[in-house]
Amino acid sequence: KLVSAALRNPECKIQTLWLIRVGLTDSG
């Protein structure tokens, strides 16, 4: 949630995001 929220900022220009096996569940 913290990392993805950073992408809301217009200054952030990330095009490719890898989040494989990071413990993400339905809650997140």
PDB file of all heavy atoms in Angstrom:
ATOM      1  N   LYS A   1       0.835  -1.209   0.000  1.00  0.00           N
ATOM      2  CA  LYS A   1       0.000   0.000   0.000  1.00  0.00           C
ATOM      3  C   LYS A   1       0.868   1.256   0.000  1.00  0.00           C
ATOM      4  O   LYS A   1       0.599   2.217  -0.738  1.00  0.00           O
ATOM      5  CB  LYS A   1      -0.907   0.004   1.223  1.00  0.00           C
ATOM      6  CG  LYS A   1      -1.827   1.219   1.304  1.00  0.00           C
ATOM      7  CD  LYS A   1      -2.727   1.137   2.533  1.00  0.00           C
ATOM      8  CE  LYS A   1      -3.643   2.353   2.610  1.00  0.00           C
ATOM      9  NZ  LYS A   1      -4.556   2.269   3.793  1.00  0.00           N
ATOM     10  N   LEU A   2       1.934   1.255   0.790  1.00  0.00           N
ATOM     11  CA  LEU A   2       2.830   2.415   0.842  1.00  0.00           C
ATOM     12  C   LEU A   2       3.517   2.646  -0.500  1.00  0.00           C
ATOM     13  O   LEU A   2       3.588   3.775  -0.989  1.00  0.00           O
ATOM     14  CB  LEU A   2       3.881   2.200   1.935  1.00  0.00           C
ATOM     15  CG  LEU A   2       3.399   2.299   3.380  1.00  0.00           C
ATOM     16  CD1 LEU A   2       4.465   1.766   4.325  1.00  0.00           C
ATOM     17  CD2 LEU A   2       3.067   3.745   3.725  1.00  0.00           C
ATOM     18  N   VAL A   3       4.021   1.571  -1.081  1.00  0.00           N
ATOM     19  CA  VAL A   3       4.745   1.697  -2.353  1.00  0.00           C
ATOM     20  C   VAL A   3       3.810   2.133  -3.477  1.00  0.00           C
ATOM     21  O   VAL A   3       4.130   3.039  -4.259  1.00  0.00           O
ATOM     22  CB  VAL A   3       5.424   0.362  -2.717  1.00  0.00           C
ATOM     23  CG1 VAL A   3       6.003   0.416  -4.126  1.00  0.00           C
ATOM     24  CG2 VAL A   3       6.537   0.043  -1.723  1.00  0.00           C
ATOM     25  N   SER A   4       2.648   1.507  -3.562  1.00  0.00           N
ATOM     26  CA  SER A   4       1.725   1.842  -4.643  1.00  0.00           C
ATOM     27  C   SER A   4       1.170   3.255  -4.495  1.00  0.00           C
ATOM     28  O   SER A   4       0.934   3.956  -5.495  1.00  0.00           O
ATOM     29  CB  SER A   4       0.575   0.829  -4.710  1.00  0.00           C
ATOM     30  OG  SER A   4      -0.111   0.748  -3.476  1.00  0.00           O
ATOM     31  N   ALA A   5       0.990   3.706  -3.244  1.00  0.00           N
ATOM     32  CA  ALA A   5       0.488   5.067  -3.019  1.00  0.00           C
ATOM     33  C   ALA A   5       1.470   6.108  -3.530  1.00  0.00           C
ATOM     34  O   ALA A   5       1.070   7.205  -3.943  1.00  0.00           O
ATOM     35  CB  ALA A   5       0.215   5.282  -1.539  1.00  0.00           C
ATOM     36  N   ALA A   6       2.758   5.763  -3.528  1.00  0.00           N
ATOM     37  CA  ALA A   6       3.767   6.697  -4.022  1.00  0.00           C
ATOM     38  C   ALA A   6       3.568   6.998  -5.502  1.00  0.00           C
ATOM     39  O   ALA A   6       3.927   8.077  -5.983  1.00  0.00           O
ATOM     40  CB  ALA A   6       5.166   6.120  -3.785  1.00  0.00           C
ATOM     41  N   LEU A   7       2.971   6.040  -6.209  1.00  0.00           N
ATOM     42  CA  LEU A   7       2.759   6.228  -7.642  1.00  0.00           C
ATOM     43  C   LEU A   7       1.643   7.224  -7.945  1.00  0.00           C
ATOM     44  O   LEU A   7       1.453   7.614  -9.098  1.00  0.00           O
ATOM     45  CB  LEU A   7       2.444   4.896  -8.324  1.00  0.00           C
ATOM     46  CG  LEU A   7       3.670   4.072  -8.745  1.00  0.00           C
ATOM     47  CD1 LEU A   7       4.422   3.552  -7.528  1.00  0.00           C
ATOM     48  CD2 LEU A   7       3.266   2.909  -9.649  1.00  0.00           C
ATOM     49  N   ARG A   8       0.908   7.638  -6.929  1.00  0.00           N
ATOM     50  CA  ARG A   8      -0.111   8.661  -7.136  1.00  0.00           C
ATOM     51  C   ARG A   8       0.514  10.019  -7.456  1.00  0.00           C
ATOM     52  O   ARG A   8      -0.102  10.861  -8.111  1.00  0.00           O
ATOM     53  CB  ARG A   8      -0.969   8.823  -5.880  1.00  0.00           C
ATOM     54  CG  ARG A   8      -1.878   7.664  -5.541  1.00  0.00           C
ATOM     55  CD  ARG A   8      -2.672   7.998  -4.298  1.00  0.00           C
ATOM     56  NE  ARG A   8      -3.502   6.913  -3.835  1.00  0.00           N
ATOM     57  CZ  ARG A   8      -4.752   6.684  -4.235  1.00  0.00           C
ATOM     58  NH1 ARG A   8      -5.294   7.495  -5.132  1.00  0.00           N
ATOM     59  NH2 ARG A   8      -5.436   5.673  -3.741  1.00  0.00           N
ATOM     60  N   ASN A   9       1.727  10.232  -6.951  1.00  0.00           N
ATOM     61  CA  ASN A   9       2.384  11.521  -7.142  1.00  0.00           C
ATOM     62  C   ASN A   9       2.745  11.726  -8.611  1.00  0.00           C
ATOM     63  O   ASN A   9       3.352  10.858  -9.229  1.00  0.00           O
ATOM     64  CB  ASN A   9       3.645  11.591  -6.276  1.00  0.00           C
ATOM     65  CG  ASN A   9       4.164  13.009  -6.148  1.00  0.00           C
ATOM     66  OD1 ASN A   9       4.416  13.690  -7.135  1.00  0.00           O
ATOM     67  ND2 ASN A   9       4.339  13.466  -4.919  1.00  0.00           N
ATOM     68  N   PRO A  10       2.391  12.874  -9.194  1.00  0.00           N
ATOM     69  CA  PRO A  10       2.702  13.136 -10.605  1.00  0.00           C
ATOM     70  C   PRO A  10       4.195  13.085 -10.911  1.00  0.00           C
ATOM     71  O   PRO A  10       4.585  12.854 -12.051  1.00  0.00           O
ATOM     72  CB  PRO A  10       2.145  14.542 -10.831  1.00  0.00           C
ATOM     73  CG  PRO A  10       1.102  14.724  -9.774  1.00  0.00           C
ATOM     74  CD  PRO A  10       1.608  13.955  -8.596  1.00  0.00           C
ATOM     75  N   GLU A  11       5.044  13.305  -9.884  1.00  0.00           N
ATOM     76  CA  GLU A  11       6.493  13.264 -10.100  1.00  0.00           C
ATOM     77  C   GLU A  11       6.993  11.847 -10.364  1.00  0.00           C
ATOM     78  O   GLU A  11       8.034  11.654 -10.976  1.00  0.00           O
ATOM     79  CB  GLU A  11       7.223  13.836  -8.882  1.00  0.00           C
ATOM     80  CG  GLU A  11       7.073  15.333  -8.696  1.00  0.00           C
ATOM     81  CD  GLU A  11       7.753  16.108  -9.803  1.00  0.00           C
ATOM     82  OE1 GLU A  11       8.892  15.769 -10.167  1.00  0.00           O
ATOM     83  OE2 GLU A  11       7.128  17.052 -10.328  1.00  0.00           O
ATOM     84  N   CYS A  12       6.256  10.860  -9.880  1.00  0.00           N
ATOM     85  CA  CYS A  12       6.663   9.464 -10.026  1.00  0.00           C
ATOM     86  C   CYS A  12       6.333   8.973 -11.438  1.00  0.00           C
ATOM     87  O   CYS A  12       5.187   9.051 -11.881  1.00  0.00           O
ATOM     88  CB  CYS A  12       5.950   8.603  -8.994  1.00  0.00           C
ATOM     89  SG  CYS A  12       6.478   6.885  -8.987  1.00  0.00           S
ATOM     90  N   LYS A  13       7.334   8.457 -12.150  1.00  0.00           N
ATOM     91  CA  LYS A  13       7.162   8.064 -13.554  1.00  0.00           C
ATOM     92  C   LYS A  13       7.346   6.566 -13.781  1.00  0.00           C
ATOM     93  O   LYS A  13       7.671   6.138 -14.885  1.00  0.00           O
ATOM     94  CB  LYS A  13       8.172   8.829 -14.418  1.00  0.00           C
ATOM     95  CG  LYS A  13       8.127  10.336 -14.276  1.00  0.00           C
ATOM     96  CD  LYS A  13       6.793  10.916 -14.709  1.00  0.00           C
ATOM     97  CE  LYS A  13       6.804  12.445 -14.605  1.00  0.00           C
ATOM     98  NZ  LYS A  13       5.487  13.037 -14.948  1.00  0.00           N
ATOM     99  N   ILE A  14       7.127   5.755 -12.766  1.00  0.00           N
ATOM    100  CA  ILE A  14       7.342   4.312 -12.900  1.00  0.00           C
ATOM    101  C   ILE A  14       6.405   3.714 -13.943  1.00  0.00           C
ATOM    102  O   ILE A  14       5.198   3.928 -13.910  1.00  0.00           O
ATOM    103  CB  ILE A  14       7.155   3.608 -11.542  1.00  0.00           C
ATOM    104  CG1 ILE A  14       8.300   3.984 -10.599  1.00  0.00           C
ATOM    105  CG2 ILE A  14       7.107   2.090 -11.719  1.00  0.00           C
ATOM    106  CD1 ILE A  14       8.189   3.382  -9.223  1.00  0.00           C
ATOM    107  N   GLN A  15       7.002   2.957 -14.865  1.00  0.00           N
ATOM    108  CA  GLN A  15       6.244   2.303 -15.922  1.00  0.00           C
ATOM    109  C   GLN A  15       6.096   0.800 -15.670  1.00  0.00           C
ATOM    110  O   GLN A  15       5.091   0.200 -16.048  1.00  0.00           O
ATOM    111  CB  GLN A  15       6.947   2.519 -17.270  1.00  0.00           C
ATOM    112  CG  GLN A  15       7.067   3.980 -17.678  1.00  0.00           C
ATOM    113  CD  GLN A  15       7.921   4.163 -18.913  1.00  0.00           C
ATOM    114  OE1 GLN A  15       8.296   3.187 -19.572  1.00  0.00           O
ATOM    115  NE2 GLN A  15       8.261   5.394 -19.240  1.00  0.00           N
ATOM    116  N   THR A  16       7.121   0.209 -15.046  1.00  0.00           N
ATOM    117  CA  THR A  16       7.121  -1.232 -14.801  1.00  0.00           C
ATOM    118  C   THR A  16       7.311  -1.493 -13.314  1.00  0.00           C
ATOM    119  O   THR A  16       8.285  -1.016 -12.720  1.00  0.00           O
ATOM    120  CB  THR A  16       8.252  -1.926 -15.593  1.00  0.00           C
ATOM    121  OG1 THR A  16       8.078  -1.661 -16.990  1.00  0.00           O
ATOM    122  CG2 THR A  16       8.233  -3.424 -15.345  1.00  0.00           C
ATOM    123  N   LEU A  17       6.379  -2.240 -12.712  1.00  0.00           N
ATOM    124  CA  LEU A  17       6.422  -2.526 -11.274  1.00  0.00           C
ATOM    125  C   LEU A  17       6.302  -4.028 -11.052  1.00  0.00           C
ATOM    126  O   LEU A  17       5.332  -4.646 -11.475  1.00  0.00           O
ATOM    127  CB  LEU A  17       5.289  -1.790 -10.559  1.00  0.00           C
ATOM    128  CG  LEU A  17       5.192  -1.954  -9.040  1.00  0.00           C
ATOM    129  CD1 LEU A  17       6.451  -1.421  -8.360  1.00  0.00           C
ATOM    130  CD2 LEU A  17       3.947  -1.250  -8.504  1.00  0.00           C
ATOM    131  N   TRP A  18       7.329  -4.590 -10.397  1.00  0.00           N
ATOM    132  CA  TRP A  18       7.349  -6.021 -10.098  1.00  0.00           C
ATOM    133  C   TRP A  18       7.088  -6.225  -8.607  1.00  0.00           C
ATOM    134  O   TRP A  18       7.866  -5.770  -7.763  1.00  0.00           O
ATOM    135  CB  TRP A  18       8.716  -6.619 -10.447  1.00  0.00           C
ATOM    136  CG  TRP A  18       9.091  -6.533 -11.894  1.00  0.00           C
ATOM    137  CD1 TRP A  18       9.535  -5.428 -12.573  1.00  0.00           C
ATOM    138  CD2 TRP A  18       9.058  -7.595 -12.851  1.00  0.00           C
ATOM    139  NE1 TRP A  18       9.783  -5.735 -13.879  1.00  0.00           N
ATOM    140  CE2 TRP A  18       9.495  -7.070 -14.090  1.00  0.00           C
ATOM    141  CE3 TRP A  18       8.713  -8.950 -12.784  1.00  0.00           C
ATOM    142  CZ2 TRP A  18       9.600  -7.833 -15.239  1.00  0.00           C
ATOM    143  CZ3 TRP A  18       8.812  -9.726 -13.931  1.00  0.00           C
ATOM    144  CH2 TRP A  18       9.250  -9.174 -15.136  1.00  0.00           C
ATOM    145  N   LEU A  19       5.990  -6.940  -8.291  1.00  0.00           N
ATOM    146  CA  LEU A  19       5.630  -7.247  -6.909  1.00  0.00           C
ATOM    147  C   LEU A  19       5.285  -8.728  -6.796  1.00  0.00           C
ATOM    148  O   LEU A  19       4.208  -9.107  -6.341  1.00  0.00           O
ATOM    149  CB  LEU A  19       4.443  -6.385  -6.464  1.00  0.00           C
ATOM    150  CG  LEU A  19       4.698  -4.872  -6.365  1.00  0.00           C
ATOM    151  CD1 LEU A  19       3.391  -4.121  -6.133  1.00  0.00           C
ATOM    152  CD2 LEU A  19       5.691  -4.566  -5.254  1.00  0.00           C
ATOM    153  N   ILE A  20       6.208  -9.577  -7.218  1.00  0.00           N
ATOM    154  CA  ILE A  20       6.011 -11.022  -7.194  1.00  0.00           C
ATOM    155  C   ILE A  20       6.339 -11.562  -5.794  1.00  0.00           C
ATOM    156  O   ILE A  20       7.383 -11.233  -5.236  1.00  0.00           O
ATOM    157  CB  ILE A  20       6.900 -11.721  -8.242  1.00  0.00           C
ATOM    158  CG1 ILE A  20       6.561 -11.218  -9.655  1.00  0.00           C
ATOM    159  CG2 ILE A  20       6.745 -13.234  -8.172  1.00  0.00           C
ATOM    160  CD1 ILE A  20       7.540 -11.676 -10.717  1.00  0.00           C
ATOM    161  N   ARG A  21       5.435 -12.351  -5.261  1.00  0.00           N
ATOM    162  CA  ARG A  21       5.615 -13.010  -3.963  1.00  0.00           C
ATOM    163  C   ARG A  21       6.036 -12.017  -2.876  1.00  0.00           C
ATOM    164  O   ARG A  21       7.082 -12.155  -2.237  1.00  0.00           O
ATOM    165  CB  ARG A  21       6.628 -14.151  -4.066  1.00  0.00           C
ATOM    166  CG  ARG A  21       6.575 -15.108  -2.864  1.00  0.00           C
ATOM    167  CD  ARG A  21       7.423 -16.337  -3.083  1.00  0.00           C
ATOM    168  NE  ARG A  21       6.853 -17.191  -4.131  1.00  0.00           N
ATOM    169  CZ  ARG A  21       7.411 -18.342  -4.559  1.00  0.00           C
ATOM    170  NH1 ARG A  21       8.531 -18.751  -4.017  1.00  0.00           N
ATOM    171  NH2 ARG A  21       6.833 -19.050  -5.515  1.00  0.00           N
ATOM    172  N   VAL A  22       5.197 -11.033  -2.657  1.00  0.00           N
ATOM    173  CA  VAL A  22       5.480 -10.023  -1.631  1.00  0.00           C
ATOM    174  C   VAL A  22       4.488 -10.092  -0.471  1.00  0.00           C
ATOM    175  O   VAL A  22       4.482  -9.230   0.392  1.00  0.00           O
ATOM    176  CB  VAL A  22       5.478  -8.601  -2.234  1.00  0.00           C
ATOM    177  CG1 VAL A  22       6.632  -8.425  -3.206  1.00  0.00           C
ATOM    178  CG2 VAL A  22       4.135  -8.287  -2.891  1.00  0.00           C
ATOM    179  N   GLY A  23       3.620 -11.121  -0.480  1.00  0.00           N
ATOM    180  CA  GLY A  23       2.661 -11.268   0.615  1.00  0.00           C
ATOM    181  C   GLY A  23       1.384 -10.473   0.423  1.00  0.00           C
ATOM    182  O   GLY A  23       0.682 -10.177   1.408  1.00  0.00           O
ATOM    183  N   LEU A  24       1.051 -10.148  -0.812  1.00  0.00           N
ATOM    184  CA  LEU A  24      -0.180  -9.399  -1.090  1.00  0.00           C
ATOM    185  C   LEU A  24      -1.389 -10.323  -1.003  1.00  0.00           C
ATOM    186  O   LEU A  24      -1.389 -11.418  -1.558  1.00  0.00           O
ATOM    187  CB  LEU A  24      -0.096  -8.778  -2.484  1.00  0.00           C
ATOM    188  CG  LEU A  24      -1.296  -7.960  -2.949  1.00  0.00           C
ATOM    189  CD1 LEU A  24      -1.475  -6.715  -2.090  1.00  0.00           C
ATOM    190  CD2 LEU A  24      -1.145  -7.573  -4.420  1.00  0.00           C
ATOM    191  N   THR A  25      -2.449  -9.868  -0.294  1.00  0.00           N
ATOM    192  CA  THR A  25      -3.681 -10.637  -0.161  1.00  0.00           C
ATOM    193  C   THR A  25      -4.864  -9.812  -0.682  1.00  0.00           C
ATOM    194  O   THR A  25      -4.708  -8.674  -1.119  1.00  0.00           O
ATOM    195  CB  THR A  25      -3.936 -11.012   1.308  1.00  0.00           C
ATOM    196  OG1 THR A  25      -4.319  -9.836   2.033  1.00  0.00           O
ATOM    197  CG2 THR A  25      -2.689 -11.620   1.946  1.00  0.00           C
ATOM    198  N   ASP A  26      -6.050 -10.401  -0.585  1.00  0.00           N
ATOM    199  CA  ASP A  26      -7.251  -9.696  -1.022  1.00  0.00           C
ATOM    200  C   ASP A  26      -7.445  -8.386  -0.261  1.00  0.00           C
ATOM    201  O   ASP A  26      -7.969  -7.416  -0.808  1.00  0.00           O
ATOM    202  CB  ASP A  26      -8.487 -10.584  -0.810  1.00  0.00           C
ATOM    203  CG  ASP A  26      -8.483 -11.808  -1.717  1.00  0.00           C
ATOM    204  OD1 ASP A  26      -7.946 -11.714  -2.832  1.00  0.00           O
ATOM    205  OD2 ASP A  26      -9.000 -12.859  -1.289  1.00  0.00           O
ATOM    206  N   SER A  27      -7.018  -8.369   0.989  1.00  0.00           N
ATOM    207  CA  SER A  27      -7.191  -7.160   1.804  1.00  0.00           C
ATOM    208  C   SER A  27      -6.435  -5.974   1.221  1.00  0.00           C
ATOM    209  O   SER A  27      -6.862  -4.819   1.358  1.00  0.00           O
ATOM    210  CB  SER A  27      -6.699  -7.418   3.238  1.00  0.00           C
ATOM    211  OG  SER A  27      -7.450  -8.437   3.856  1.00  0.00           O
ATOM    212  N   GLY A  28      -5.316  -6.253   0.579  1.00  0.00           N
ATOM    213  CA  GLY A  28      -4.520  -5.162   0.021  1.00  0.00           C
ATOM    214  C   GLY A  28      -4.811  -4.863  -1.432  1.00  0.00           C
ATOM    215  O   GLY A  28      -4.362  -3.839  -1.962  1.00  0.00           O
TER     216      GLY A  28
END
